[in-house]
Amino acid sequence: MPGKRRKLTHIEPRRLVRLFKRDGWRETGRSGRHITLTKPGFKRPVTISFGRKPISPGVIRANMRTAEMSRRRYFELLDEV
């Protein structure tokens, strides 16, 4: 029987940035409270708001789609950071 599906929850911006950096994304710029991450082979950058509030699951899901990251890969990286 497969394991229970994990739920996306709010995450601190610093932890999310570390997660994407661990996946090979590099910080290429900052604009106000936003950090831009790029990775060779991807047309669009991942942008993360670096404010005081935790990042919502909807924003995490949008960034995962941009990065073509699976749920499984996200949770593997989350466990590492």
N, C-alpha and C. Protein backbone atom coordinates (compact mmCIF):
# COMPACT_ATOMS: atom_id res chain seq x y z
N MET A 1 0.84 -1.18 0.00
CA MET A 1 0.00 0.00 0.00
C MET A 1 0.89 1.24 0.00
N PRO A 2 0.64 2.19 -0.92
CA PRO A 2 1.50 3.37 -0.99
C PRO A 2 1.36 4.24 0.25
N GLY A 3 2.40 5.03 0.52
CA GLY A 3 2.40 5.92 1.68
C GLY A 3 1.39 7.05 1.53
N LYS A 4 1.13 7.71 2.60
CA LYS A 4 0.18 8.82 2.61
C LYS A 4 0.76 10.00 1.83
N ARG A 5 -0.07 10.62 1.03
CA ARG A 5 0.38 11.76 0.22
C ARG A 5 0.59 12.97 1.13
N ARG A 6 1.78 13.56 1.04
CA ARG A 6 2.10 14.72 1.87
C ARG A 6 1.41 15.96 1.32
N LYS A 7 1.11 16.87 2.20
CA LYS A 7 0.39 18.08 1.86
C LYS A 7 1.36 19.26 1.79
N LEU A 8 1.19 20.10 0.76
CA LEU A 8 1.98 21.33 0.68
C LEU A 8 1.49 22.27 1.76
N THR A 9 2.41 22.83 2.51
CA THR A 9 2.06 23.78 3.57
C THR A 9 2.90 25.04 3.41
N HIS A 10 2.56 26.07 4.15
CA HIS A 10 3.33 27.31 4.12
C HIS A 10 4.79 27.03 4.48
N ILE A 11 5.69 27.80 3.87
CA ILE A 11 7.12 27.61 4.13
C ILE A 11 7.79 28.98 4.19
N GLU A 12 8.82 29.07 5.00
CA GLU A 12 9.57 30.33 5.12
C GLU A 12 10.32 30.59 3.81
N PRO A 13 10.41 31.86 3.39
CA PRO A 13 11.08 32.20 2.13
C PRO A 13 12.53 31.71 2.05
N ARG A 14 13.28 31.83 3.14
CA ARG A 14 14.69 31.40 3.11
C ARG A 14 14.81 29.92 2.84
N ARG A 15 13.93 29.15 3.43
CA ARG A 15 13.97 27.70 3.23
C ARG A 15 13.62 27.34 1.79
N LEU A 16 12.65 28.05 1.21
CA LEU A 16 12.27 27.79 -0.18
C LEU A 16 13.41 28.15 -1.14
N VAL A 17 14.10 29.25 -0.86
CA VAL A 17 15.24 29.64 -1.70
C VAL A 17 16.34 28.57 -1.61
N ARG A 18 16.63 28.09 -0.41
CA ARG A 18 17.64 27.03 -0.24
C ARG A 18 17.24 25.77 -1.00
N LEU A 19 15.94 25.46 -0.97
CA LEU A 19 15.44 24.27 -1.66
C LEU A 19 15.72 24.38 -3.16
N PHE A 20 15.38 25.52 -3.76
CA PHE A 20 15.61 25.69 -5.20
C PHE A 20 17.10 25.73 -5.54
N LYS A 21 17.91 26.33 -4.67
CA LYS A 21 19.35 26.35 -4.91
C LYS A 21 19.92 24.93 -4.87
N ARG A 22 19.40 24.11 -3.99
CA ARG A 22 19.85 22.72 -3.91
C ARG A 22 19.50 21.95 -5.18
N ASP A 23 18.45 22.39 -5.88
CA ASP A 23 18.02 21.76 -7.12
C ASP A 23 18.79 22.31 -8.33
N GLY A 24 19.73 23.23 -8.11
CA GLY A 24 20.55 23.73 -9.21
C GLY A 24 20.21 25.12 -9.69
N TRP A 25 19.24 25.78 -9.07
CA TRP A 25 18.88 27.14 -9.44
C TRP A 25 19.85 28.10 -8.78
N ARG A 26 20.19 29.19 -9.51
CA ARG A 26 21.12 30.19 -8.98
C ARG A 26 20.43 31.53 -8.85
N GLU A 27 20.78 32.26 -7.81
CA GLU A 27 20.22 33.60 -7.62
C GLU A 27 20.87 34.53 -8.63
N THR A 28 20.04 35.20 -9.44
CA THR A 28 20.57 36.09 -10.47
C THR A 28 20.16 37.53 -10.26
N GLY A 29 19.31 37.79 -9.30
CA GLY A 29 18.93 39.18 -9.07
C GLY A 29 17.95 39.34 -7.94
N ARG A 30 17.88 40.60 -7.50
CA ARG A 30 16.92 40.98 -6.47
C ARG A 30 16.27 42.27 -6.90
N SER A 31 14.99 42.36 -6.63
CA SER A 31 14.25 43.57 -6.94
C SER A 31 13.28 43.80 -5.79
N GLY A 32 13.62 44.73 -4.93
CA GLY A 32 12.78 44.97 -3.76
C GLY A 32 12.81 43.75 -2.86
N ARG A 33 11.65 43.15 -2.64
CA ARG A 33 11.56 41.97 -1.79
C ARG A 33 11.49 40.67 -2.57
N HIS A 34 11.86 40.68 -3.83
CA HIS A 34 11.78 39.49 -4.66
C HIS A 34 13.18 39.02 -5.06
N ILE A 35 13.36 37.70 -5.06
CA ILE A 35 14.60 37.09 -5.50
C ILE A 35 14.31 36.32 -6.77
N THR A 36 15.16 36.48 -7.77
CA THR A 36 15.01 35.79 -9.04
C THR A 36 16.05 34.69 -9.14
N LEU A 37 15.60 33.48 -9.46
CA LEU A 37 16.47 32.33 -9.61
C LEU A 37 16.37 31.81 -11.04
N THR A 38 17.50 31.47 -11.64
CA THR A 38 17.50 30.91 -12.99
C THR A 38 18.29 29.61 -13.01
N LYS A 39 18.03 28.83 -14.06
CA LYS A 39 18.73 27.57 -14.24
C LYS A 39 18.90 27.34 -15.73
N PRO A 40 20.08 26.93 -16.19
CA PRO A 40 20.29 26.68 -17.61
C PRO A 40 19.27 25.67 -18.14
N GLY A 41 18.73 25.97 -19.32
CA GLY A 41 17.76 25.08 -19.95
C GLY A 41 16.31 25.45 -19.66
N PHE A 42 16.09 26.45 -18.81
CA PHE A 42 14.74 26.89 -18.48
C PHE A 42 14.54 28.30 -18.99
N LYS A 43 13.43 28.55 -19.67
CA LYS A 43 13.17 29.86 -20.26
C LYS A 43 12.75 30.89 -19.23
N ARG A 44 11.97 30.47 -18.24
CA ARG A 44 11.43 31.40 -17.26
C ARG A 44 12.14 31.28 -15.93
N PRO A 45 12.35 32.40 -15.25
CA PRO A 45 12.96 32.34 -13.92
C PRO A 45 11.91 32.01 -12.86
N VAL A 46 12.38 31.56 -11.72
CA VAL A 46 11.53 31.36 -10.55
C VAL A 46 11.71 32.61 -9.69
N THR A 47 10.61 33.23 -9.31
CA THR A 47 10.66 34.43 -8.49
C THR A 47 10.01 34.15 -7.14
N ILE A 48 10.72 34.47 -6.08
CA ILE A 48 10.24 34.20 -4.73
C ILE A 48 10.20 35.51 -3.95
N SER A 49 9.05 35.80 -3.36
CA SER A 49 8.90 36.98 -2.51
C SER A 49 9.64 36.73 -1.20
N PHE A 50 10.50 37.64 -0.83
CA PHE A 50 11.34 37.45 0.34
C PHE A 50 10.90 38.39 1.46
N GLY A 51 9.60 38.42 1.72
CA GLY A 51 9.07 39.28 2.78
C GLY A 51 9.07 38.56 4.11
N ARG A 52 8.25 39.05 5.01
CA ARG A 52 8.18 38.47 6.35
C ARG A 52 7.20 37.31 6.43
N LYS A 53 6.24 37.27 5.53
CA LYS A 53 5.22 36.23 5.57
C LYS A 53 5.71 34.93 4.93
N PRO A 54 5.24 33.80 5.44
CA PRO A 54 5.56 32.52 4.80
C PRO A 54 4.94 32.44 3.40
N ILE A 55 5.53 31.64 2.55
CA ILE A 55 5.05 31.46 1.18
C ILE A 55 3.88 30.48 1.21
N SER A 56 2.80 30.82 0.50
CA SER A 56 1.60 29.98 0.50
C SER A 56 1.76 28.79 -0.45
N PRO A 57 0.97 27.73 -0.22
CA PRO A 57 1.04 26.55 -1.09
C PRO A 57 0.76 26.85 -2.56
N GLY A 58 -0.12 27.81 -2.84
CA GLY A 58 -0.41 28.16 -4.24
C GLY A 58 0.80 28.73 -4.95
N VAL A 59 1.56 29.56 -4.27
CA VAL A 59 2.77 30.15 -4.85
C VAL A 59 3.84 29.07 -5.01
N ILE A 60 3.94 28.19 -4.03
CA ILE A 60 4.90 27.09 -4.12
C ILE A 60 4.58 26.22 -5.34
N ARG A 61 3.30 25.91 -5.52
CA ARG A 61 2.87 25.08 -6.65
C ARG A 61 3.20 25.77 -7.99
N ALA A 62 2.98 27.08 -8.07
CA ALA A 62 3.30 27.83 -9.29
C ALA A 62 4.80 27.79 -9.58
N ASN A 63 5.62 27.96 -8.54
CA ASN A 63 7.07 27.89 -8.72
C ASN A 63 7.51 26.48 -9.12
N MET A 64 6.87 25.47 -8.56
CA MET A 64 7.20 24.09 -8.94
C MET A 64 6.88 23.84 -10.42
N ARG A 65 5.77 24.40 -10.87
CA ARG A 65 5.38 24.24 -12.29
C ARG A 65 6.41 24.92 -13.19
N THR A 66 6.82 26.14 -12.82
CA THR A 66 7.83 26.86 -13.60
C THR A 66 9.14 26.08 -13.65
N ALA A 67 9.51 25.47 -12.53
CA ALA A 67 10.76 24.72 -12.43
C ALA A 67 10.63 23.29 -12.93
N GLU A 68 9.41 22.91 -13.36
CA GLU A 68 9.15 21.54 -13.81
C GLU A 68 9.58 20.53 -12.75
N MET A 69 9.23 20.83 -11.49
CA MET A 69 9.62 20.01 -10.35
C MET A 69 8.42 19.17 -9.90
N SER A 70 8.64 17.89 -9.73
CA SER A 70 7.57 17.00 -9.28
C SER A 70 7.36 17.17 -7.77
N ARG A 71 6.20 16.73 -7.31
CA ARG A 71 5.91 16.75 -5.87
C ARG A 71 6.92 15.92 -5.11
N ARG A 72 7.25 14.76 -5.66
CA ARG A 72 8.21 13.86 -5.02
C ARG A 72 9.56 14.56 -4.85
N ARG A 73 10.04 15.21 -5.92
CA ARG A 73 11.33 15.91 -5.86
C ARG A 73 11.27 17.05 -4.84
N TYR A 74 10.16 17.79 -4.81
CA TYR A 74 10.00 18.88 -3.86
C TYR A 74 10.15 18.38 -2.43
N PHE A 75 9.47 17.28 -2.09
CA PHE A 75 9.52 16.78 -0.72
C PHE A 75 10.88 16.15 -0.39
N GLU A 76 11.56 15.59 -1.38
CA GLU A 76 12.92 15.09 -1.16
C GLU A 76 13.84 16.25 -0.78
N LEU A 77 13.75 17.34 -1.54
CA LEU A 77 14.59 18.51 -1.26
C LEU A 77 14.19 19.17 0.05
N LEU A 78 12.90 19.21 0.34
CA LEU A 78 12.43 19.81 1.59
C LEU A 78 12.99 19.08 2.80
N ASP A 79 13.09 17.77 2.71
CA ASP A 79 13.66 16.99 3.81
C ASP A 79 15.15 17.27 4.00
N GLU A 80 15.84 17.69 2.93
CA GLU A 80 17.27 17.95 3.01
C GLU A 80 17.59 19.34 3.59
N VAL A 81 16.70 20.32 3.36
CA VAL A 81 17.00 21.69 3.82
C VAL A 81 16.38 22.00 5.15
